[in-house]
Amino acid sequence: MSLTPTQIAILLTTMVCVVAVYLLFHRSQLGKSMRAVSDNLELARVTGLNTKRAIQAAWVVSSALACIGGILLALDTNLQPGMGLINLVKAFAATLLGGVGNLWGALLGGIAIGLAENLGVLVISPGYKDAIAFAIMVVLLLVRPVVFYGEQD
């Protein structure tokens, strides 16, 4: 399997983006402010950082990266409007399982969803593999609605 020139361009563009984001977060004052706001908004505000500017910059950077990612994906695939919907359901289920706002929990939730799907095909038809993540998400929303409505008294 060899890489096409388009795939090489995608790989190089991705590497440039990763290095640029790293340099932004670790070498620039704006990036350090964005990290501080991400860690503790109130503390960043009290120390005099321009939190509004940091939040706006985070939106701009994330939107630009999403745009670049979409363009790169479009270069190598045949995009359809409904593409990725099942991946969105799986990501949402992983986030619910690991805890909203908990990056490591979401990572572990993603691993758990993947394991459940791949072990689930031993019991059910492989055609229903994607339904496992959806079922886990529904069960989590029924059992733990606290995720969206706050702590229950």
Protein backbone atom coordinates (compact mmCIF):
# COMPACT_ATOMS: atom_id res chain seq x y z
CA MET A 1 0.00 0.00 0.00
CA SER A 2 1.57 3.26 -1.09
CA LEU A 3 0.69 6.83 -0.28
CA THR A 4 -0.72 9.09 -2.95
CA PRO A 5 0.61 12.64 -3.37
CA THR A 6 -2.64 13.91 -1.82
CA GLN A 7 -2.15 11.73 1.25
CA ILE A 8 1.44 12.94 1.62
CA ALA A 9 0.21 16.55 1.43
CA ILE A 10 -2.41 15.75 4.07
CA LEU A 11 0.24 14.21 6.32
CA LEU A 12 2.57 17.19 5.93
CA THR A 13 -0.25 19.69 6.53
CA THR A 14 -1.28 17.80 9.65
CA MET A 15 2.29 17.84 10.97
CA VAL A 16 2.53 21.58 10.34
CA CYS A 17 -0.75 22.11 12.22
CA VAL A 18 0.40 20.00 15.18
CA VAL A 19 3.69 21.90 15.44
CA ALA A 20 1.88 25.25 15.07
CA VAL A 21 -0.58 24.40 17.86
CA TYR A 22 2.26 23.19 20.09
CA LEU A 23 4.21 26.41 19.51
CA LEU A 24 1.09 28.48 20.10
CA PHE A 25 0.35 26.81 23.43
CA HIS A 26 3.91 26.63 24.73
CA ARG A 27 5.76 29.59 23.23
CA SER A 28 3.26 32.46 22.94
CA GLN A 29 1.67 34.56 25.64
CA LEU A 30 -1.77 34.07 24.05
CA GLY A 31 -1.34 30.29 24.10
CA LYS A 32 -0.24 30.33 27.72
CA SER A 33 -3.28 32.48 28.53
CA MET A 34 -5.53 29.99 26.73
CA ARG A 35 -4.05 27.13 28.77
CA ALA A 36 -4.46 29.10 32.01
CA VAL A 37 -8.11 29.87 31.23
CA SER A 38 -8.66 26.22 30.35
CA ASP A 39 -7.20 25.08 33.68
CA ASN A 40 -8.95 27.57 35.96
CA LEU A 41 -11.10 30.39 34.59
CA GLU A 42 -11.54 32.21 37.90
CA LEU A 43 -7.85 32.11 38.79
CA ALA A 44 -6.94 33.37 35.32
CA ARG A 45 -9.44 36.21 35.70
CA VAL A 46 -8.14 37.14 39.18
CA THR A 47 -4.53 37.22 37.97
CA GLY A 48 -5.48 39.78 35.34
CA LEU A 49 -5.46 37.69 32.20
CA ASN A 50 -7.78 38.80 29.43
CA THR A 51 -10.01 35.73 29.65
CA LYS A 52 -12.44 36.95 27.01
CA ARG A 53 -9.61 37.27 24.49
CA ALA A 54 -8.26 33.82 25.39
CA ILE A 55 -11.69 32.22 24.98
CA GLN A 56 -12.22 33.96 21.64
CA ALA A 57 -8.79 32.81 20.49
CA ALA A 58 -9.62 29.24 21.50
CA TRP A 59 -12.76 29.39 19.38
CA VAL A 60 -10.85 30.81 16.42
CA VAL A 61 -8.05 28.22 16.67
CA SER A 62 -10.45 25.30 17.09
CA SER A 63 -12.64 26.51 14.22
CA ALA A 64 -9.63 26.92 11.96
CA LEU A 65 -8.37 23.43 12.82
CA ALA A 66 -11.82 21.95 12.19
CA CYS A 67 -11.96 23.76 8.85
CA ILE A 68 -8.51 22.49 7.86
CA GLY A 69 -9.46 18.98 8.96
CA GLY A 70 -12.64 19.09 6.88
CA ILE A 71 -10.77 20.30 3.82
CA LEU A 72 -8.11 17.60 4.23
CA LEU A 73 -10.79 14.93 4.65
CA ALA A 74 -12.59 16.18 1.54
CA LEU A 75 -9.39 15.88 -0.48
CA ASP A 76 -9.09 12.16 0.22
CA THR A 77 -12.68 10.94 0.54
CA ASN A 78 -16.09 11.31 -1.01
CA LEU A 79 -17.87 13.44 1.59
CA GLN A 80 -21.58 12.98 2.22
CA PRO A 81 -23.80 15.09 4.53
CA GLY A 82 -24.50 12.19 6.91
CA MET A 83 -20.90 11.02 7.17
CA GLY A 84 -19.60 10.61 10.68
CA LEU A 85 -22.98 10.55 12.38
CA ILE A 86 -22.34 7.14 13.93
CA ASN A 87 -18.89 8.33 15.04
CA LEU A 88 -20.57 11.28 16.74
CA VAL A 89 -22.88 8.91 18.62
CA LYS A 90 -19.88 6.82 19.67
CA ALA A 91 -17.96 9.90 20.82
CA PHE A 92 -20.99 11.13 22.77
CA ALA A 93 -21.40 7.72 24.41
CA ALA A 94 -17.70 7.66 25.32
CA THR A 95 -17.96 11.14 26.83
CA LEU A 96 -21.01 10.16 28.87
CA LEU A 97 -19.33 6.97 30.04
CA GLY A 98 -16.09 8.69 31.02
CA GLY A 99 -17.64 11.85 32.39
CA VAL A 100 -18.38 15.17 30.73
CA GLY A 101 -15.40 17.50 31.14
CA ASN A 102 -12.98 14.68 31.97
CA LEU A 103 -10.53 14.14 29.10
CA TRP A 104 -8.96 10.97 30.52
CA GLY A 105 -12.39 9.62 31.44
CA ALA A 106 -13.59 10.20 27.88
CA LEU A 107 -10.49 8.42 26.58
CA LEU A 108 -11.20 5.44 28.83
CA GLY A 109 -14.87 5.65 27.83
CA GLY A 110 -13.84 5.44 24.17
CA ILE A 111 -11.73 2.39 24.88
CA ALA A 112 -14.63 0.81 26.77
CA ILE A 113 -17.05 1.56 23.90
CA GLY A 114 -14.62 0.03 21.40
CA LEU A 115 -14.17 -3.07 23.54
CA ALA A 116 -17.92 -3.42 24.07
CA GLU A 117 -18.56 -3.16 20.33
CA ASN A 118 -15.89 -5.64 19.35
CA LEU A 119 -16.75 -8.13 22.08
CA GLY A 120 -20.46 -7.61 21.46
CA VAL A 121 -20.21 -9.08 17.97
CA LEU A 122 -19.45 -12.41 19.63
CA VAL A 123 -23.03 -12.36 20.95
CA ILE A 124 -24.99 -10.39 18.35
CA SER A 125 -24.78 -10.02 14.58
CA PRO A 126 -21.89 -7.80 13.39
CA GLY A 127 -24.46 -5.75 11.51
CA TYR A 128 -25.66 -4.41 14.87
CA LYS A 129 -22.18 -3.45 16.08
CA ASP A 130 -22.88 0.29 15.86
CA ALA A 131 -26.08 -0.14 17.89
CA ILE A 132 -24.03 -1.17 20.93
CA ALA A 133 -22.65 2.36 21.42
CA PHE A 134 -26.14 3.79 20.96
CA ALA A 135 -27.57 1.35 23.53
CA ILE A 136 -24.82 2.24 26.01
CA MET A 137 -25.59 5.93 25.51
CA VAL A 138 -29.33 5.42 26.06
CA VAL A 139 -28.73 3.38 29.22
CA LEU A 140 -26.32 6.01 30.57
CA LEU A 141 -28.81 8.79 29.93
CA LEU A 142 -31.53 6.83 31.72
CA VAL A 143 -29.34 5.82 34.66
CA ARG A 144 -27.25 8.97 35.05
CA PRO A 145 -29.24 12.02 33.85
CA VAL A 146 -27.14 14.07 36.29
CA VAL A 147 -24.76 14.75 33.41
CA PHE A 148 -27.19 17.29 31.96
CA TYR A 149 -29.32 18.36 34.89
CA GLY A 150 -26.72 18.79 37.64
CA GLU A 151 -26.56 17.03 40.98
CA GLN A 152 -29.80 15.57 42.22
CA ASP A 153 -30.87 16.44 45.76
